[in-house]
Every structure is written in structure tokens, then in C-alpha cells.
């Protein structure tokens, strides 16, 4: 999981939970990895303004990668100027699946 998009506002942390358990707190420029078991999973993202949930399935040997982007809304910067804070919205992008090479068994 990465948070490195040039479209990111580079503000606010994004709190991530995997299957209801803490996974990461991502600041702009950070990445995190962790092995997970094959099967159905749920990622929950929270930037303290907006929450998003993504359900996904992992196959045996598959590597799953997501880009997390904290984007401004239409009036975000006006609200930041006037109130000191404004809405930022989450975009979650799943990257194309990669499969790990199969291990060779000795002959």
C-alpha cells in the first residue's frame, strides 16, 4: 500500500485497518507491506474526514497493491483559509495483480 501520488494534498494521515485490525497510519510519501492469507478481506480507510471500505479477494501467491490518495474537494482550500480545516476525500486505487513466481520443487 502506498501514498505517493502527485495528486495527493500531502496533508492529514490516513488510518488503515485490515479485517478490523490496525494495519497502518499513512502519511504522504509512505508505503507499507504485509503478508496476508488468501481469501476475502476488507480494508477500511479513514482520513478523519471521510471513511471508505474496500472489499477484495486474494488468490494463493497473489500480491495485492493499493494506492491511497487524499484529494481536496471543490471548496477545500476556501474552507482551510476561512476555518483552518476543510474536507479532503479519499481515492483508493487497486493496482494490477502480480503473482509470485512458483517455487521449484527439487527433482
N, C-alpha and C. Protein backbone atom coordinates (compact mmCIF):
# COMPACT_ATOMS: atom_id res chain seq x y z
N UNK A 1 0.85 -1.15 0.00
CA UNK A 1 0.00 0.00 0.00
C UNK A 1 0.90 1.23 0.00
N UNK A 2 0.58 2.17 -0.88
CA UNK A 2 1.40 3.38 -0.97
C UNK A 2 0.52 4.63 -0.91
N UNK A 3 1.15 5.71 -0.51
CA UNK A 3 0.50 7.03 -0.56
C UNK A 3 1.52 8.00 -1.13
N UNK A 4 1.73 7.88 -2.43
CA UNK A 4 2.79 8.65 -3.09
C UNK A 4 2.31 9.40 -4.33
N UNK A 5 1.02 9.44 -4.59
CA UNK A 5 0.50 10.09 -5.80
C UNK A 5 0.75 11.59 -5.77
N UNK A 6 1.11 12.15 -6.91
CA UNK A 6 1.30 13.60 -7.01
C UNK A 6 -0.04 14.34 -6.86
N UNK A 7 -1.16 13.63 -6.99
CA UNK A 7 -2.49 14.24 -6.82
C UNK A 7 -2.87 14.38 -5.34
N UNK A 8 -2.09 13.77 -4.46
CA UNK A 8 -2.38 13.82 -3.02
C UNK A 8 -2.12 15.23 -2.48
N UNK A 9 -2.94 15.68 -1.52
CA UNK A 9 -2.77 17.01 -0.94
C UNK A 9 -1.62 17.06 0.07
N UNK A 10 -1.07 15.93 0.40
CA UNK A 10 0.10 15.83 1.29
C UNK A 10 -0.21 16.32 2.71
N UNK A 11 -1.47 16.25 3.10
CA UNK A 11 -1.88 16.63 4.44
C UNK A 11 -2.76 15.54 5.02
N UNK A 12 -2.88 15.49 6.31
CA UNK A 12 -3.69 14.53 7.05
C UNK A 12 -3.16 13.12 6.91
N UNK A 13 -3.26 12.39 7.98
CA UNK A 13 -2.91 10.98 7.95
C UNK A 13 -4.10 10.18 7.43
N UNK A 14 -3.82 8.99 6.92
CA UNK A 14 -4.87 8.05 6.54
C UNK A 14 -4.68 6.81 7.41
N UNK A 15 -5.69 6.52 8.21
CA UNK A 15 -5.66 5.37 9.12
C UNK A 15 -6.24 4.19 8.36
N UNK A 16 -5.52 3.07 8.36
CA UNK A 16 -5.95 1.89 7.60
C UNK A 16 -6.12 0.71 8.55
N UNK A 17 -7.24 0.01 8.39
CA UNK A 17 -7.49 -1.23 9.12
C UNK A 17 -7.69 -2.35 8.12
N UNK A 18 -7.14 -3.51 8.41
CA UNK A 18 -7.32 -4.71 7.59
C UNK A 18 -8.12 -5.70 8.41
N UNK A 19 -9.28 -6.07 7.91
CA UNK A 19 -10.17 -7.01 8.59
C UNK A 19 -10.44 -6.58 10.03
N UNK A 20 -10.63 -5.27 10.23
CA UNK A 20 -10.98 -4.73 11.54
C UNK A 20 -9.82 -4.52 12.49
N UNK A 21 -8.62 -4.87 12.08
CA UNK A 21 -7.43 -4.72 12.93
C UNK A 21 -6.54 -3.59 12.39
N UNK A 22 -5.87 -2.84 13.26
CA UNK A 22 -4.98 -1.78 12.78
C UNK A 22 -3.93 -2.33 11.81
N UNK A 23 -3.73 -1.62 10.71
CA UNK A 23 -2.78 -2.02 9.68
C UNK A 23 -1.68 -0.98 9.51
N UNK A 24 -2.08 0.30 9.37
CA UNK A 24 -1.08 1.35 9.14
C UNK A 24 -1.71 2.72 9.37
N UNK A 25 -0.86 3.69 9.62
CA UNK A 25 -1.21 5.11 9.58
C UNK A 25 -0.27 5.72 8.54
N UNK A 26 -0.82 6.06 7.38
CA UNK A 26 -0.01 6.52 6.26
C UNK A 26 0.01 8.05 6.18
N UNK A 27 1.20 8.60 6.16
CA UNK A 27 1.41 10.00 5.83
C UNK A 27 1.84 10.05 4.38
N UNK A 28 1.80 11.23 3.76
CA UNK A 28 2.20 11.33 2.37
C UNK A 28 3.65 10.85 2.20
N UNK A 29 3.89 10.07 1.15
CA UNK A 29 5.22 9.57 0.83
C UNK A 29 5.54 8.22 1.45
N UNK A 30 4.64 7.68 2.25
CA UNK A 30 4.91 6.41 2.93
C UNK A 30 4.28 5.23 2.19
N UNK A 31 4.88 4.07 2.44
CA UNK A 31 4.38 2.79 1.92
C UNK A 31 4.46 1.77 3.03
N UNK A 32 3.63 0.75 2.95
CA UNK A 32 3.65 -0.32 3.93
C UNK A 32 3.27 -1.63 3.24
N UNK A 33 3.88 -2.72 3.67
CA UNK A 33 3.56 -4.04 3.14
C UNK A 33 3.37 -5.01 4.29
N UNK A 34 2.62 -6.07 4.00
CA UNK A 34 2.38 -7.10 5.00
C UNK A 34 1.84 -8.34 4.29
N UNK A 35 2.32 -9.51 4.64
CA UNK A 35 1.74 -10.72 4.04
C UNK A 35 0.35 -10.97 4.61
N UNK A 36 -0.56 -11.42 3.76
CA UNK A 36 -1.90 -11.79 4.22
C UNK A 36 -2.28 -13.14 3.60
N UNK A 37 -3.18 -13.83 4.26
CA UNK A 37 -3.62 -15.13 3.79
C UNK A 37 -4.55 -14.98 2.59
N UNK A 38 -4.58 -16.00 1.71
CA UNK A 38 -5.54 -15.98 0.61
C UNK A 38 -6.96 -15.94 1.17
N UNK A 39 -7.87 -15.36 0.39
CA UNK A 39 -9.27 -15.31 0.80
C UNK A 39 -9.84 -13.92 0.70
N UNK A 40 -11.00 -13.73 1.32
CA UNK A 40 -11.70 -12.45 1.29
C UNK A 40 -11.23 -11.56 2.44
N UNK A 41 -11.06 -10.28 2.14
CA UNK A 41 -10.56 -9.32 3.13
C UNK A 41 -11.29 -7.98 2.96
N UNK A 42 -11.13 -7.15 4.00
CA UNK A 42 -11.72 -5.81 3.98
C UNK A 42 -10.70 -4.80 4.48
N UNK A 43 -10.50 -3.75 3.69
CA UNK A 43 -9.67 -2.62 4.10
C UNK A 43 -10.59 -1.45 4.43
N UNK A 44 -10.30 -0.79 5.54
CA UNK A 44 -11.08 0.39 5.96
C UNK A 44 -10.12 1.56 6.05
N UNK A 45 -10.43 2.64 5.32
CA UNK A 45 -9.59 3.83 5.26
C UNK A 45 -10.32 4.98 5.94
N UNK A 46 -9.58 5.80 6.71
CA UNK A 46 -10.17 6.92 7.43
C UNK A 46 -9.16 8.06 7.47
N UNK A 47 -9.52 9.21 6.86
CA UNK A 47 -8.62 10.37 6.91
C UNK A 47 -9.10 11.39 7.94
N UNK A 48 -9.94 10.95 8.87
CA UNK A 48 -10.58 11.73 9.93
C UNK A 48 -11.65 12.67 9.39
N UNK A 49 -11.91 12.63 8.09
CA UNK A 49 -12.99 13.41 7.49
C UNK A 49 -13.93 12.47 6.74
N UNK A 50 -13.35 11.54 6.02
CA UNK A 50 -14.11 10.59 5.19
C UNK A 50 -13.61 9.18 5.48
N UNK A 51 -14.53 8.22 5.45
CA UNK A 51 -14.17 6.81 5.60
C UNK A 51 -14.58 6.07 4.34
N UNK A 52 -13.74 5.12 3.94
CA UNK A 52 -14.05 4.27 2.79
C UNK A 52 -13.70 2.83 3.13
N UNK A 53 -14.49 1.91 2.59
CA UNK A 53 -14.24 0.49 2.78
C UNK A 53 -14.07 -0.17 1.42
N UNK A 54 -13.07 -1.03 1.32
CA UNK A 54 -12.80 -1.77 0.09
C UNK A 54 -12.76 -3.26 0.46
N UNK A 55 -13.58 -4.05 -0.22
CA UNK A 55 -13.54 -5.50 -0.05
C UNK A 55 -12.80 -6.09 -1.23
N UNK A 56 -11.97 -7.10 -0.95
CA UNK A 56 -11.19 -7.70 -2.02
C UNK A 56 -10.88 -9.16 -1.70
N UNK A 57 -10.46 -9.87 -2.72
CA UNK A 57 -10.11 -11.28 -2.59
C UNK A 57 -8.66 -11.45 -3.04
N UNK A 58 -7.94 -12.29 -2.30
CA UNK A 58 -6.54 -12.58 -2.62
C UNK A 58 -6.43 -14.06 -2.97
N UNK A 59 -5.85 -14.35 -4.13
CA UNK A 59 -5.61 -15.74 -4.54
C UNK A 59 -4.26 -16.20 -3.99
N UNK A 60 -4.06 -17.48 -3.93
CA UNK A 60 -2.79 -18.06 -3.50
C UNK A 60 -1.67 -17.52 -4.38
N UNK A 61 -0.61 -16.96 -3.77
CA UNK A 61 0.54 -16.44 -4.50
C UNK A 61 0.35 -15.06 -5.09
N UNK A 62 -0.82 -14.46 -4.92
CA UNK A 62 -1.10 -13.15 -5.49
C UNK A 62 -0.58 -12.03 -4.58
N UNK A 63 -0.07 -10.97 -5.20
CA UNK A 63 0.33 -9.77 -4.46
C UNK A 63 -0.69 -8.68 -4.77
N UNK A 64 -1.25 -8.09 -3.73
CA UNK A 64 -2.26 -7.05 -3.89
C UNK A 64 -1.64 -5.72 -3.49
N UNK A 65 -1.86 -4.70 -4.31
CA UNK A 65 -1.30 -3.37 -4.01
C UNK A 65 -2.36 -2.31 -4.24
N UNK A 66 -2.40 -1.34 -3.33
CA UNK A 66 -3.33 -0.22 -3.43
C UNK A 66 -2.58 1.09 -3.34
N UNK A 67 -3.05 2.09 -4.09
CA UNK A 67 -2.61 3.47 -3.94
C UNK A 67 -3.70 4.21 -3.18
N UNK A 68 -3.32 4.95 -2.16
CA UNK A 68 -4.25 5.74 -1.36
C UNK A 68 -3.96 7.21 -1.67
N UNK A 69 -5.02 7.96 -2.02
CA UNK A 69 -4.84 9.37 -2.39
C UNK A 69 -5.82 10.21 -1.58
N UNK A 70 -5.30 11.19 -0.87
CA UNK A 70 -6.10 12.15 -0.12
C UNK A 70 -6.26 13.38 -1.02
N UNK A 71 -7.47 13.59 -1.55
CA UNK A 71 -7.70 14.66 -2.54
C UNK A 71 -8.55 15.79 -1.95
N UNK A 72 -8.30 17.01 -2.41
CA UNK A 72 -9.14 18.12 -1.96
C UNK A 72 -10.49 18.10 -2.68
N UNK A 73 -11.48 18.67 -2.02
CA UNK A 73 -12.78 18.86 -2.64
C UNK A 73 -12.84 20.20 -3.34
N UNK A 74 -13.98 20.52 -3.87
CA UNK A 74 -14.16 21.75 -4.63
C UNK A 74 -13.90 23.01 -3.79
N UNK A 75 -14.31 22.98 -2.53
CA UNK A 75 -14.17 24.15 -1.68
C UNK A 75 -13.17 23.95 -0.54
N UNK A 76 -12.35 22.91 -0.62
CA UNK A 76 -11.42 22.61 0.47
C UNK A 76 -10.53 23.79 0.83
N UNK A 77 -9.87 24.37 -0.15
CA UNK A 77 -8.88 25.42 0.16
C UNK A 77 -9.54 26.69 0.69
N UNK A 78 -10.77 26.99 0.21
CA UNK A 78 -11.50 28.14 0.76
C UNK A 78 -11.83 27.89 2.24
N UNK A 79 -12.24 26.68 2.55
CA UNK A 79 -12.56 26.36 3.94
C UNK A 79 -11.31 26.36 4.82
N UNK A 80 -10.20 25.90 4.26
CA UNK A 80 -8.93 25.92 5.01
C UNK A 80 -8.56 27.37 5.33
N UNK A 81 -8.71 28.25 4.35
CA UNK A 81 -8.40 29.66 4.58
C UNK A 81 -9.33 30.28 5.63
N UNK A 82 -10.61 29.97 5.54
CA UNK A 82 -11.59 30.60 6.42
C UNK A 82 -11.66 29.95 7.81
N UNK A 83 -11.56 28.60 7.84
CA UNK A 83 -11.78 27.87 9.09
C UNK A 83 -10.55 27.15 9.64
N UNK A 84 -9.52 27.07 8.83
CA UNK A 84 -8.33 26.34 9.25
C UNK A 84 -8.37 24.86 8.95
N UNK A 85 -9.48 24.37 8.39
CA UNK A 85 -9.62 22.96 8.02
C UNK A 85 -10.67 22.86 6.92
N UNK A 86 -10.57 21.82 6.12
CA UNK A 86 -11.54 21.62 5.05
C UNK A 86 -11.61 20.17 4.66
N UNK A 87 -12.64 19.80 3.92
CA UNK A 87 -12.83 18.40 3.56
C UNK A 87 -11.78 17.90 2.57
N UNK A 88 -11.33 16.70 2.82
CA UNK A 88 -10.42 16.01 1.91
C UNK A 88 -11.00 14.62 1.69
N UNK A 89 -11.00 14.19 0.46
CA UNK A 89 -11.67 12.96 0.08
C UNK A 89 -10.66 11.89 -0.29
N UNK A 90 -11.04 10.65 -0.07
CA UNK A 90 -10.15 9.52 -0.33
C UNK A 90 -10.44 8.88 -1.67
N UNK A 91 -9.38 8.59 -2.39
CA UNK A 91 -9.45 7.78 -3.60
C UNK A 91 -8.56 6.56 -3.35
N UNK A 92 -9.12 5.39 -3.59
CA UNK A 92 -8.38 4.14 -3.38
C UNK A 92 -8.29 3.44 -4.73
N UNK A 93 -7.06 3.18 -5.18
CA UNK A 93 -6.85 2.55 -6.49
C UNK A 93 -6.12 1.23 -6.30
N UNK A 94 -6.75 0.14 -6.76
CA UNK A 94 -6.08 -1.16 -6.74
C UNK A 94 -5.20 -1.28 -7.97
N UNK A 95 -3.98 -1.70 -7.74
CA UNK A 95 -3.04 -1.88 -8.84
C UNK A 95 -3.23 -3.26 -9.46
N UNK A 96 -2.82 -3.45 -10.70
CA UNK A 96 -2.95 -4.76 -11.34
C UNK A 96 -2.27 -5.84 -10.49
N UNK A 97 -2.91 -7.00 -10.43
CA UNK A 97 -2.40 -8.11 -9.60
C UNK A 97 -1.08 -8.63 -10.14
N UNK A 98 -0.24 -9.00 -9.20
CA UNK A 98 1.03 -9.65 -9.54
C UNK A 98 1.04 -11.01 -8.86
N UNK A 99 1.61 -11.97 -9.52
CA UNK A 99 1.73 -13.30 -8.92
C UNK A 99 3.20 -13.56 -8.66
N UNK A 100 3.45 -14.13 -7.50
CA UNK A 100 4.82 -14.50 -7.17
C UNK A 100 5.19 -15.73 -7.99
N UNK A 101 6.45 -15.81 -8.42
CA UNK A 101 6.86 -17.00 -9.17
C UNK A 101 6.71 -18.24 -8.29
N UNK A 102 6.25 -19.32 -8.90
CA UNK A 102 6.10 -20.58 -8.15
C UNK A 102 7.46 -21.10 -7.75
N UNK A 103 7.51 -21.66 -6.56
CA UNK A 103 8.77 -22.26 -6.10
C UNK A 103 8.99 -23.56 -6.81
N UNK A 104 10.23 -23.79 -7.21
CA UNK A 104 10.56 -25.05 -7.88
C UNK A 104 10.81 -26.13 -6.84
N UNK A 105 10.23 -27.28 -7.09
CA UNK A 105 10.44 -28.42 -6.21
C UNK A 105 11.64 -29.21 -6.73
N UNK A 106 12.50 -29.66 -5.81
CA UNK A 106 13.65 -30.46 -6.26
C UNK A 106 13.18 -31.73 -6.96
N UNK A 107 13.93 -32.12 -7.99
CA UNK A 107 13.56 -33.31 -8.76
C UNK A 107 14.01 -34.57 -8.10
